[in-house]
């Protein structure tokens, strides 16, 4: 009955009683029972509603949540890339600054070492000159001492020789000549 009413309503909408009979004949030829068809449509709508309500909604919510997590993860990865790039720039700047400081310290160390070496060279030169001056002074004193000793020895030899010569029998002329010669020698040695 309900099926006939539905078919009649559909037929009237399309053009009358004849159309409704034709539709009924088509359903009977294919072995369709309108009551079962309507029941199947209602069952399908109920199952579709239940699936949407209890299956698709949670699955869609889970997919949406995962998409949000993936999006957040990608955003976090981008943020970390930016932070890493900043950290690398900071590291490079710090490294460059450290290199500049190292070069500066190295330059200062070289300058200090050069000054120290120059100072040591000056001190060594000064000490060398001082040693040379002392050596010259010692040589001069030694020379003076040797000259004094030589003069003394010459004087002694002249006196010994003169004494030996004078002890011999010499004439007064010869004695005067030897005395003058000895006096000249002594004067030459002393000067």
N, C-alpha and C. Protein backbone atom coordinates (compact mmCIF):
# COMPACT_ATOMS: atom_id res chain seq x y z
N UNK A 1 0.79 -1.17 0.00
CA UNK A 1 0.00 0.00 0.00
C UNK A 1 0.85 1.26 0.00
N UNK A 2 1.78 1.27 0.86
CA UNK A 2 2.62 2.46 0.92
C UNK A 2 3.36 2.60 -0.41
N UNK A 3 3.75 1.43 -0.94
CA UNK A 3 4.47 1.50 -2.18
C UNK A 3 3.60 2.00 -3.31
N UNK A 4 2.37 1.58 -3.30
CA UNK A 4 1.46 2.05 -4.34
C UNK A 4 1.26 3.55 -4.21
N UNK A 5 1.19 4.02 -2.99
CA UNK A 5 0.98 5.45 -2.77
C UNK A 5 2.20 6.22 -3.26
N UNK A 6 3.36 5.70 -3.04
CA UNK A 6 4.57 6.37 -3.48
C UNK A 6 4.63 6.38 -4.99
N UNK A 7 4.29 5.24 -5.60
CA UNK A 7 4.33 5.14 -7.05
C UNK A 7 3.30 6.07 -7.66
N UNK A 8 2.11 6.10 -7.05
CA UNK A 8 1.06 6.99 -7.54
C UNK A 8 1.50 8.44 -7.42
N UNK A 9 2.11 8.81 -6.32
CA UNK A 9 2.55 10.18 -6.13
C UNK A 9 3.62 10.52 -7.16
N UNK A 10 4.50 9.57 -7.46
CA UNK A 10 5.54 9.79 -8.44
C UNK A 10 4.93 9.89 -9.83
N UNK A 11 3.91 9.07 -10.10
CA UNK A 11 3.27 9.07 -11.40
C UNK A 11 2.50 10.35 -11.62
N UNK A 12 1.78 10.80 -10.63
CA UNK A 12 1.02 12.04 -10.76
C UNK A 12 1.98 13.19 -11.00
N UNK A 13 3.10 13.16 -10.38
CA UNK A 13 4.07 14.22 -10.58
C UNK A 13 4.58 14.16 -11.99
N UNK A 14 4.67 12.98 -12.59
CA UNK A 14 5.21 12.85 -13.93
C UNK A 14 4.13 12.82 -15.00
N UNK A 15 2.94 12.58 -14.66
CA UNK A 15 1.93 12.66 -15.72
C UNK A 15 0.78 11.71 -15.61
N UNK A 16 0.48 11.15 -14.55
CA UNK A 16 -0.78 10.45 -14.39
C UNK A 16 -0.68 9.01 -14.02
N UNK A 17 -1.90 8.33 -14.13
CA UNK A 17 -2.13 6.96 -13.69
C UNK A 17 -1.38 6.00 -14.60
N UNK A 18 -1.35 6.31 -15.84
CA UNK A 18 -0.73 5.42 -16.79
C UNK A 18 0.76 5.30 -16.49
N UNK A 19 1.35 6.36 -16.17
CA UNK A 19 2.77 6.33 -15.82
C UNK A 19 2.98 5.49 -14.59
N UNK A 20 2.12 5.56 -13.64
CA UNK A 20 2.27 4.80 -12.41
C UNK A 20 2.19 3.32 -12.71
N UNK A 21 1.30 2.92 -13.60
CA UNK A 21 1.17 1.51 -13.94
C UNK A 21 2.44 1.05 -14.66
N UNK A 22 2.95 1.86 -15.49
CA UNK A 22 4.17 1.49 -16.22
C UNK A 22 5.35 1.31 -15.25
N UNK A 23 5.42 2.14 -14.30
CA UNK A 23 6.51 2.04 -13.30
C UNK A 23 6.35 0.75 -12.52
N UNK A 24 5.11 0.40 -12.18
CA UNK A 24 4.84 -0.82 -11.41
C UNK A 24 5.25 -2.03 -12.24
N UNK A 25 4.97 -2.00 -13.50
CA UNK A 25 5.30 -3.12 -14.37
C UNK A 25 6.82 -3.27 -14.47
N UNK A 26 7.51 -2.16 -14.54
CA UNK A 26 8.99 -2.21 -14.61
C UNK A 26 9.53 -2.85 -13.34
N UNK A 27 9.03 -2.46 -12.19
CA UNK A 27 9.50 -3.03 -10.92
C UNK A 27 9.24 -4.53 -10.88
N UNK A 28 8.03 -4.98 -11.36
CA UNK A 28 7.68 -6.39 -11.31
C UNK A 28 8.56 -7.17 -12.29
N UNK A 29 8.86 -6.63 -13.45
CA UNK A 29 9.70 -7.32 -14.43
C UNK A 29 11.09 -7.59 -13.85
N UNK A 30 11.62 -6.64 -13.13
CA UNK A 30 12.96 -6.82 -12.55
C UNK A 30 12.91 -7.54 -11.22
N UNK A 31 11.82 -7.88 -10.73
CA UNK A 31 11.67 -8.62 -9.49
C UNK A 31 11.91 -7.77 -8.27
N UNK A 32 11.54 -6.53 -8.36
CA UNK A 32 11.73 -5.63 -7.24
C UNK A 32 10.44 -5.51 -6.48
N UNK A 33 10.61 -5.57 -5.19
CA UNK A 33 9.46 -5.34 -4.31
C UNK A 33 9.66 -3.97 -3.70
N UNK A 34 8.72 -3.13 -3.92
CA UNK A 34 8.85 -1.74 -3.51
C UNK A 34 9.00 -1.62 -2.01
N UNK A 35 8.38 -2.50 -1.25
CA UNK A 35 8.50 -2.44 0.21
C UNK A 35 9.93 -2.71 0.65
N UNK A 36 10.53 -3.72 0.04
CA UNK A 36 11.91 -4.03 0.39
C UNK A 36 12.86 -2.91 -0.06
N UNK A 37 12.56 -2.32 -1.21
CA UNK A 37 13.39 -1.22 -1.70
C UNK A 37 13.35 -0.04 -0.74
N UNK A 38 12.18 0.29 -0.28
CA UNK A 38 12.04 1.40 0.68
C UNK A 38 12.73 1.04 1.99
N UNK A 39 12.58 -0.19 2.44
CA UNK A 39 13.22 -0.63 3.68
C UNK A 39 14.75 -0.55 3.52
N UNK A 40 15.23 -0.96 2.33
CA UNK A 40 16.66 -0.90 2.08
C UNK A 40 17.16 0.54 2.08
N UNK A 41 16.37 1.45 1.49
CA UNK A 41 16.76 2.85 1.46
C UNK A 41 16.82 3.41 2.86
N UNK A 42 15.81 3.08 3.69
CA UNK A 42 15.79 3.55 5.08
C UNK A 42 16.98 2.96 5.83
N UNK A 43 17.21 1.66 5.65
CA UNK A 43 18.35 1.01 6.33
C UNK A 43 19.67 1.66 5.90
N UNK A 44 19.82 1.93 4.58
CA UNK A 44 21.03 2.57 4.10
C UNK A 44 21.23 3.93 4.74
N UNK A 45 20.13 4.71 4.84
CA UNK A 45 20.24 6.04 5.46
C UNK A 45 20.64 5.93 6.92
N UNK A 46 20.08 4.95 7.63
CA UNK A 46 20.42 4.76 9.05
C UNK A 46 21.90 4.37 9.18
N UNK A 47 22.32 3.40 8.38
CA UNK A 47 23.71 2.94 8.45
C UNK A 47 24.65 4.09 8.06
N UNK A 48 24.26 4.84 7.01
CA UNK A 48 25.10 5.96 6.61
C UNK A 48 25.21 6.99 7.72
N UNK A 49 24.11 7.28 8.38
CA UNK A 49 24.12 8.23 9.49
C UNK A 49 25.00 7.71 10.63
N UNK A 50 24.81 6.43 10.99
CA UNK A 50 25.60 5.85 12.08
C UNK A 50 27.10 5.83 11.73
N UNK A 51 27.41 5.45 10.49
CA UNK A 51 28.82 5.44 10.08
C UNK A 51 29.42 6.86 10.12
N UNK A 52 28.64 7.81 9.62
CA UNK A 52 29.13 9.19 9.65
C UNK A 52 29.33 9.63 11.09
N UNK A 53 28.35 9.34 11.93
CA UNK A 53 28.37 9.82 13.32
C UNK A 53 29.48 9.15 14.13
N UNK A 54 29.59 7.82 14.03
CA UNK A 54 30.49 7.08 14.92
C UNK A 54 31.80 6.60 14.27
N UNK A 55 31.90 6.63 12.96
CA UNK A 55 33.12 6.16 12.33
C UNK A 55 33.84 7.30 11.60
N UNK A 56 33.14 7.95 10.69
CA UNK A 56 33.81 8.97 9.89
C UNK A 56 34.20 10.19 10.70
N UNK A 57 33.33 10.62 11.61
CA UNK A 57 33.68 11.80 12.41
C UNK A 57 34.95 11.57 13.23
N UNK A 58 35.06 10.47 14.00
CA UNK A 58 36.31 10.25 14.75
C UNK A 58 37.53 10.10 13.84
N UNK A 59 37.33 9.40 12.70
CA UNK A 59 38.45 9.24 11.78
C UNK A 59 38.85 10.59 11.21
N UNK A 60 37.88 11.39 10.81
CA UNK A 60 38.18 12.73 10.29
C UNK A 60 38.84 13.60 11.37
N UNK A 61 38.34 13.46 12.63
CA UNK A 61 38.94 14.23 13.73
C UNK A 61 40.39 13.79 13.94
N UNK A 62 40.65 12.47 13.87
CA UNK A 62 42.02 11.95 14.04
C UNK A 62 42.90 12.44 12.89
N UNK A 63 42.38 12.39 11.67
CA UNK A 63 43.15 12.87 10.52
C UNK A 63 43.45 14.35 10.67
N UNK A 64 42.44 15.10 11.08
CA UNK A 64 42.64 16.54 11.28
C UNK A 64 43.69 16.81 12.36
N UNK A 65 43.61 16.02 13.45
CA UNK A 65 44.59 16.18 14.55
C UNK A 65 46.00 15.84 14.06
N UNK A 66 46.11 14.77 13.28
CA UNK A 66 47.42 14.39 12.75
C UNK A 66 47.94 15.43 11.77
N UNK A 67 47.06 15.97 10.93
CA UNK A 67 47.48 17.02 10.02
C UNK A 67 47.97 18.24 10.79
N UNK A 68 47.28 18.53 11.89
CA UNK A 68 47.71 19.67 12.73
C UNK A 68 49.09 19.38 13.35
N UNK A 69 49.28 18.14 13.82
CA UNK A 69 50.58 17.78 14.40
C UNK A 69 51.67 17.84 13.33
N UNK A 70 51.37 17.36 12.14
CA UNK A 70 52.35 17.40 11.06
C UNK A 70 52.66 18.85 10.71
N UNK A 71 51.62 19.66 10.63
CA UNK A 71 51.82 21.08 10.34
C UNK A 71 52.66 21.74 11.42
N UNK A 72 52.33 21.43 12.69
CA UNK A 72 53.12 21.98 13.80
C UNK A 72 54.56 21.48 13.74
N UNK A 73 54.74 20.20 13.39
CA UNK A 73 56.09 19.64 13.27
C UNK A 73 56.87 20.32 12.17
N UNK A 74 56.22 20.56 11.04
CA UNK A 74 56.90 21.25 9.94
C UNK A 74 57.25 22.68 10.33
N UNK A 75 56.32 23.33 11.04
CA UNK A 75 56.59 24.69 11.50
C UNK A 75 57.76 24.69 12.49
N UNK A 76 57.76 23.70 13.39
CA UNK A 76 58.85 23.57 14.36
C UNK A 76 60.18 23.34 13.63
N UNK A 77 60.14 22.48 12.59
CA UNK A 77 61.35 22.21 11.81
C UNK A 77 61.84 23.49 11.13
N UNK A 78 60.92 24.27 10.59
CA UNK A 78 61.32 25.54 9.97
C UNK A 78 61.92 26.48 11.01
N UNK A 79 61.29 26.54 12.18
CA UNK A 79 61.82 27.38 13.26
C UNK A 79 63.22 26.92 13.66
N UNK A 80 63.40 25.60 13.76
CA UNK A 80 64.71 25.07 14.15
C UNK A 80 65.75 25.35 13.06
N UNK A 81 65.32 25.28 11.78
CA UNK A 81 66.26 25.62 10.70
C UNK A 81 66.70 27.08 10.82
N UNK A 82 65.72 27.95 11.12
CA UNK A 82 66.05 29.37 11.27
C UNK A 82 66.98 29.57 12.47
N UNK A 83 66.66 28.89 13.58
CA UNK A 83 67.52 29.01 14.77
C UNK A 83 68.91 28.44 14.49
N UNK A 84 68.97 27.33 13.74
CA UNK A 84 70.26 26.74 13.40
C UNK A 84 71.06 27.69 12.53
N UNK A 85 70.38 28.32 11.57
CA UNK A 85 71.08 29.29 10.72
C UNK A 85 71.60 30.45 11.57
N UNK A 86 70.77 30.93 12.50
CA UNK A 86 71.22 32.01 13.39
C UNK A 86 72.39 31.55 14.25
N UNK A 87 72.30 30.32 14.76
CA UNK A 87 73.39 29.80 15.59
C UNK A 87 74.67 29.67 14.78
N UNK A 88 74.54 29.23 13.51
CA UNK A 88 75.73 29.11 12.66
C UNK A 88 76.32 30.49 12.38
N UNK A 89 75.46 31.49 12.15
CA UNK A 89 75.96 32.84 11.94
C UNK A 89 76.68 33.33 13.20
N UNK A 90 76.06 33.10 14.35
CA UNK A 90 76.66 33.52 15.62
C UNK A 90 77.99 32.80 15.82
N UNK A 91 78.01 31.49 15.52
CA UNK A 91 79.23 30.71 15.66
C UNK A 91 80.31 31.24 14.74
N UNK A 92 79.93 31.53 13.49
CA UNK A 92 80.90 32.06 12.53
C UNK A 92 81.44 33.41 13.00
N UNK A 93 80.53 34.27 13.52
CA UNK A 93 80.97 35.58 14.01
C UNK A 93 81.90 35.42 15.21
N UNK A 94 81.55 34.50 16.11
CA UNK A 94 82.38 34.26 17.29
C UNK A 94 83.74 33.71 16.88
N UNK A 95 83.72 32.81 15.91
CA UNK A 95 84.98 32.23 15.44
C UNK A 95 85.85 33.29 14.77
N UNK A 96 85.23 34.15 13.98
CA UNK A 96 85.98 35.23 13.33
C UNK A 96 86.56 36.18 14.38
N UNK A 97 85.75 36.50 15.39
CA UNK A 97 86.23 37.39 16.46
C UNK A 97 87.39 36.74 17.20
N UNK A 98 87.27 35.43 17.47
CA UNK A 98 88.35 34.71 18.16
C UNK A 98 89.63 34.72 17.31
N UNK A 99 89.47 34.54 15.99
CA UNK A 99 90.64 34.58 15.11
C UNK A 99 91.30 35.95 15.13
N UNK A 100 90.47 37.00 15.12
CA UNK A 100 91.02 38.35 15.17
C UNK A 100 91.76 38.58 16.48
N UNK A 101 91.15 38.13 17.58
CA UNK A 101 91.81 38.28 18.89
C UNK A 101 93.11 37.48 18.91
N UNK A 102 93.08 36.27 18.34
CA UNK A 102 94.30 35.45 18.31
C UNK A 102 95.38 36.14 17.49
N UNK A 103 95.00 36.72 16.35
CA UNK A 103 95.98 37.45 15.53
C UNK A 103 96.54 38.63 16.30
N UNK A 104 95.65 39.33 17.02
CA UNK A 104 96.10 40.48 17.81
C UNK A 104 97.07 40.04 18.90
N UNK A 105 96.71 38.97 19.61
CA UNK A 105 97.58 38.46 20.68
C UNK A 105 98.90 37.99 20.09
N UNK A 106 98.83 37.32 18.93
CA UNK A 106 100.05 36.84 18.29
C UNK A 106 100.93 38.01 17.88
N UNK A 107 100.31 39.08 17.34
CA UNK A 107 101.07 40.27 16.97
C UNK A 107 101.73 40.90 18.18
N UNK A 108 100.97 40.99 19.28
CA UNK A 108 101.53 41.56 20.51
C UNK A 108 102.68 40.69 21.02
N UNK A 109 102.50 39.37 20.95
CA UNK A 109 103.56 38.46 21.42
C UNK A 109 104.82 38.63 20.56
N UNK A 110 104.62 38.76 19.24
CA UNK A 110 105.78 38.95 18.37
C UNK A 110 106.49 40.26 18.68
N UNK A 111 105.68 41.32 18.90
CA UNK A 111 106.26 42.63 19.22
C UNK A 111 107.03 42.56 20.54
N UNK A 112 106.42 41.90 21.54
CA UNK A 112 107.08 41.76 22.85
C UNK A 112 108.37 40.96 22.70
N UNK A 113 108.31 39.87 21.91
CA UNK A 113 109.51 39.05 21.71
C UNK A 113 110.59 39.85 21.00
N UNK A 114 110.20 40.64 20.02
CA UNK A 114 111.18 41.46 19.29
C UNK A 114 111.83 42.47 20.24
N UNK A 115 110.98 43.14 21.06
CA UNK A 115 111.52 44.10 22.02
C UNK A 115 112.47 43.41 23.00
N UNK A 116 112.09 42.22 23.46
CA UNK A 116 112.92 41.47 24.39
C UNK A 116 114.25 41.10 23.74
N UNK A 117 114.18 40.61 22.47
CA UNK A 117 115.41 40.25 21.78
C UNK A 117 116.30 41.47 21.55
N UNK A 118 115.68 42.60 21.18
CA UNK A 118 116.46 43.82 21.00
C UNK A 118 117.13 44.23 22.31
N UNK A 119 116.39 44.14 23.40
CA UNK A 119 116.93 44.50 24.71
C UNK A 119 118.08 43.57 25.08
N UNK A 120 117.87 42.26 24.83
CA UNK A 120 118.92 41.29 25.14
C UNK A 120 120.17 41.55 24.28
N UNK A 121 119.92 41.90 23.01
CA UNK A 121 121.05 42.18 22.12
C UNK A 121 121.81 43.41 22.60
N UNK A 122 121.06 44.44 23.00
CA UNK A 122 121.71 45.66 23.52
C UNK A 122 122.52 45.34 24.77
N UNK A 123 121.90 44.54 25.68
CA UNK A 123 122.62 44.18 26.91
C UNK A 123 123.87 43.37 26.58
N UNK A 124 123.75 42.43 25.62
CA UNK A 124 124.90 41.61 25.25
C UNK A 124 125.98 42.48 24.61
N UNK A 125 125.55 43.42 23.75
CA UNK A 125 126.52 44.33 23.13
C UNK A 125 127.21 45.16 24.20
N UNK A 126 126.41 45.66 25.15
CA UNK A 126 126.97 46.47 26.24
C UNK A 126 127.95 45.66 27.07
N UNK A 127 127.58 44.43 27.39
CA UNK A 127 128.48 43.59 28.18
C UNK A 127 129.73 43.25 27.39
N UNK A 128 129.54 42.99 26.08
CA UNK A 128 130.71 42.70 25.23
C UNK A 128 131.65 43.88 25.17
N UNK A 129 131.08 45.09 24.99
CA UNK A 129 131.92 46.29 24.95
C UNK A 129 132.61 46.50 26.29
N UNK A 130 131.86 46.23 27.35
CA UNK A 130 132.44 46.38 28.69
C UNK A 130 133.60 45.40 28.88
N UNK A 131 133.39 44.14 28.42
CA UNK A 131 134.46 43.14 28.53
C UNK A 131 135.67 43.54 27.68
N UNK A 132 135.37 44.06 26.47
CA UNK A 132 136.47 44.50 25.60
C UNK A 132 137.24 45.65 26.26
N UNK A 133 136.51 46.60 26.86
CA UNK A 133 137.16 47.73 27.54
C UNK A 133 138.00 47.23 28.71
N UNK A 134 137.43 46.28 29.48
CA UNK A 134 138.20 45.74 30.62
C UNK A 134 139.42 44.99 30.12
N UNK A 135 139.25 44.26 29.00
CA UNK A 135 140.39 43.51 28.46
C UNK A 135 141.47 44.47 27.98
N UNK A 136 141.04 45.55 27.29
CA UNK A 136 142.01 46.55 26.83
C UNK A 136 142.72 47.17 28.02
N UNK A 137 141.94 47.47 29.04
CA UNK A 137 142.52 48.06 30.26
C UNK A 137 143.50 47.09 30.90
N UNK A 138 143.12 45.80 30.95
CA UNK A 138 144.01 44.80 31.54
C UNK A 138 145.28 44.66 30.70
N UNK A 139 145.08 44.70 29.37
CA UNK A 139 146.25 44.60 28.48
C UNK A 139 147.16 45.80 28.69
N UNK A 140 146.55 46.99 28.79
CA UNK A 140 147.35 48.19 29.00
C UNK A 140 148.10 48.10 30.33
N UNK A 141 147.39 47.65 31.38
CA UNK A 141 148.06 47.50 32.68
C UNK A 141 149.17 46.46 32.61
N UNK A 142 148.91 45.36 31.91
CA UNK A 142 149.91 44.32 31.78
C UNK A 142 151.12 44.84 30.98
N UNK A 143 150.82 45.59 29.93
CA UNK A 143 151.90 46.17 29.13
C UNK A 143 152.74 47.13 29.97
N UNK A 144 152.01 47.98 30.73
CA UNK A 144 152.71 48.93 31.60
C UNK A 144 153.58 48.16 32.60
N UNK A 145 153.01 47.10 33.15
CA UNK A 145 153.75 46.31 34.12
C UNK A 145 154.97 45.66 33.48
N UNK A 146 154.77 45.15 32.26
CA UNK A 146 155.89 44.52 31.56
C UNK A 146 156.97 45.55 31.21
N UNK A 147 156.52 46.74 30.77
CA UNK A 147 157.49 47.79 30.46
C UNK A 147 158.30 48.17 31.71
N UNK A 148 157.54 48.27 32.81
CA UNK A 148 158.23 48.61 34.06
C UNK A 148 159.23 47.52 34.42
N UNK A 149 158.84 46.27 34.25
CA UNK A 149 159.74 45.17 34.56
C UNK A 149 160.94 45.16 33.61
N UNK A 150 160.66 45.43 32.31
CA UNK A 150 161.75 45.45 31.33
C UNK A 150 162.71 46.58 31.67
N UNK A 151 162.16 47.75 31.98
CA UNK A 151 163.04 48.88 32.34
C UNK A 151 163.91 48.53 33.56
N UNK A 152 163.19 47.94 34.52
CA UNK A 152 163.96 47.56 35.72
C UNK A 152 165.06 46.58 35.37
N UNK A 153 164.75 45.62 34.51
CA UNK A 153 165.73 44.62 34.11
C UNK A 153 166.86 45.27 33.32
N UNK A 154 166.48 46.21 32.40
CA UNK A 154 167.51 46.90 31.61
C UNK A 154 168.41 47.71 32.55
N UNK A 155 167.78 48.41 33.49
CA UNK A 155 168.56 49.21 34.43
C UNK A 155 169.49 48.29 35.21
N UNK A 156 168.99 47.20 35.65
CA UNK A 156 169.81 46.26 36.43
C UNK A 156 170.98 45.75 35.58
N UNK A 157 170.62 45.39 34.29
CA UNK A 157 171.68 44.89 33.41
C UNK A 157 172.73 45.98 33.12
N UNK A 158 172.23 47.21 32.89
CA UNK A 158 173.17 48.30 32.63
C UNK A 158 174.06 48.52 33.85
N UNK A 159 173.40 48.49 35.02
CA UNK A 159 174.19 48.69 36.25
C UNK A 159 175.18 47.56 36.43
N UNK A 160 174.75 46.33 36.17
CA UNK A 160 175.66 45.19 36.32
C UNK A 160 176.81 45.29 35.31
N UNK A 161 176.42 45.63 34.10
CA UNK A 161 177.44 45.74 33.05
C UNK A 161 178.39 46.89 33.38
N UNK A 162 177.81 48.01 33.79
CA UNK A 162 178.64 49.17 34.14
C UNK A 162 179.54 48.82 35.31
N UNK A 163 178.98 48.10 36.28
CA UNK A 163 179.78 47.75 37.44
C UNK A 163 180.94 46.85 37.04
N UNK A 164 180.67 45.90 36.13
CA UNK A 164 181.73 45.00 35.69
C UNK A 164 182.78 45.77 34.88
N UNK A 165 182.23 46.66 34.04
CA UNK A 165 183.16 47.42 33.21
C UNK A 165 183.98 48.35 34.10
N UNK A 166 183.33 48.95 35.07
CA UNK A 166 184.02 49.90 35.92
C UNK A 166 185.02 49.19 36.85
N UNK A 167 184.76 48.01 37.13
CA UNK A 167 185.70 47.31 37.99
C UNK A 167 186.98 46.96 37.24
N UNK A 168 186.92 47.00 35.97
CA UNK A 168 188.11 46.77 35.17
C UNK A 168 188.94 48.04 35.16
N UNK A 169 190.09 47.87 34.83
CA UNK A 169 190.95 49.04 34.78
C UNK A 169 190.69 49.79 33.49
N UNK A 170 190.00 50.84 33.66
CA UNK A 170 189.69 51.68 32.51
C UNK A 170 190.21 53.07 32.78
N UNK A 171 190.38 53.71 31.71
CA UNK A 171 190.82 55.09 31.86
C UNK A 171 189.63 55.93 32.23
N UNK A 172 189.97 57.11 32.70
CA UNK A 172 188.91 58.01 33.13
C UNK A 172 188.05 58.38 31.95
N UNK A 173 188.60 58.51 30.81
CA UNK A 173 187.85 58.85 29.60
C UNK A 173 186.84 57.74 29.29
N UNK A 174 187.23 56.55 29.33
CA UNK A 174 186.35 55.42 29.04
C UNK A 174 185.27 55.33 30.08
N UNK A 175 185.61 55.55 31.35
CA UNK A 175 184.60 55.50 32.41
C UNK A 175 183.57 56.57 32.19
N UNK A 176 184.00 57.79 31.80
CA UNK A 176 183.05 58.88 31.57
C UNK A 176 182.17 58.55 30.38
N UNK A 177 182.77 58.00 29.34
CA UNK A 177 181.98 57.66 28.17
C UNK A 177 180.96 56.59 28.51
N UNK A 178 181.31 55.56 29.23
CA UNK A 178 180.36 54.51 29.62
C UNK A 178 179.28 55.07 30.52
N UNK A 179 179.60 55.97 31.39
CA UNK A 179 178.63 56.57 32.30
C UNK A 179 177.63 57.37 31.51
N UNK A 180 178.15 58.16 30.53
CA UNK A 180 177.24 58.95 29.69
C UNK A 180 176.34 58.04 28.90
N UNK A 181 176.88 57.00 28.33
CA UNK A 181 176.10 56.05 27.53
C UNK A 181 175.04 55.39 28.38
N UNK A 182 175.36 55.01 29.58
CA UNK A 182 174.41 54.37 30.50
C UNK A 182 173.34 55.35 30.89
N UNK A 183 173.70 56.60 31.14
CA UNK A 183 172.73 57.62 31.53
C UNK A 183 171.74 57.84 30.37
N UNK A 184 172.29 57.86 29.12
CA UNK A 184 171.42 58.04 27.95
C UNK A 184 170.45 56.87 27.83
N UNK A 185 170.95 55.69 28.01
CA UNK A 185 170.13 54.50 27.92
C UNK A 185 169.00 54.54 28.96
N UNK A 186 169.38 54.91 30.15
CA UNK A 186 168.38 54.98 31.23
C UNK A 186 167.34 56.05 30.90
N UNK A 187 167.78 57.14 30.36
CA UNK A 187 166.84 58.21 30.01
C UNK A 187 165.89 57.72 28.90
N UNK A 188 166.40 56.96 27.93
CA UNK A 188 165.58 56.45 26.82
C UNK A 188 164.58 55.43 27.35
N UNK A 189 164.98 54.55 28.22
CA UNK A 189 164.13 53.52 28.77
C UNK A 189 163.03 54.13 29.63
N UNK A 190 163.34 55.12 30.40
CA UNK A 190 162.36 55.75 31.30
C UNK A 190 161.31 56.55 30.55
N UNK A 191 161.68 57.03 29.38
CA UNK A 191 160.71 57.85 28.66
C UNK A 191 159.87 56.92 27.83
